Amino acid sequence: MKTLRTLAQYPLFYAGLLALGAMCLGWCVLAWAMRPFLSPDKGRAIGRAGISGGFRLYFGLTTWLGLTRFELDELDALDGQPSMILAANHPTFLDAVFLISRIRNAGCIMKADVVDNPFLGAGARLADFIRNDSPRNMVRHAVRDLRQGSHLLVFPEGTRTIEHPVNDFKSGFALIAKGAKVPVQTLFIENSSPFLCKGWPIYQRPPSFPMVYRVRLGKRFTVGDDAKLFTRELQHYFEHELARAELALMVEASPSERTAHD
């Protein structure tokens, strides 16, 4: 019975991904149709609520099917708080998706060619997500978004993690925080599965289920006068915290440790 259930999980998982793709395409069509009739503020609110709600529905389904498990309750502490940058490490392609599913008014920086796509980018344009084409325009747009009350989700690595525990950080997010005069709240993502980590193709199935994702809140920082210095210091903080968490997991999983406690 367990073997049959395991075999069934893989087609269910990929059927779920196809359903997610269909939901995204359907929302883009609806967003394209609605946008001309909505004010920018109303469009941003509806666009972000729709994206967040759709992702939450998808992950609720995969959790119910036993494919995923999320430990995201610490993010609830951010509800209703003033604007800030949410800076997270970036182990998998799914990071932004499940974070946005829990953060209802999240701004996001996206590749310009996706936002500019006349069809696929309609949802992103309605939600007023930020293009990454020009650094100056990106910073200006992000500062404006934060001043309108958003929580801006950023991955300081700029891409999914290649160098363990994190890639070198880019300083753009620090310039944005400095310009908007908002704090930087750190988020630490821990994942149990290599699925959709850098170099893992989407057609390669996950090794096992459920895939577990956990987010914990780190310290909240204020950017000083030197954005590049702050970026280096924040990278060191991430390296230290992620190494400490990895060591704790290794100790917890150690048979000798379990025997000693028994």
Foldseek 3Di string as FASTA:
>chain_A
DVVVLFVVLQVVVVVLVVVLVVLLLVVLVVLLVCVVPDDLVVLLLVLLQSLLQSLLVSVVVCVVSQAAAEAEVQCVVCPPPFEAEEEEAAFFPCVVSNVSNVFRQEAEEDAQVQCPPSRSNSSVVSSQHAYPPDLVRRLVSLLVSRVVGGHYYDYQLNDHADDPPHHQGDLSVLSSCVSNVHKYKYKYKDKDWSDRGPPHDNPDTIPGGHIYIYIDTDDIGGRDPDSVVVSVVVVVVNNVVVVVVVVVVVLVPDPVNVVVVD
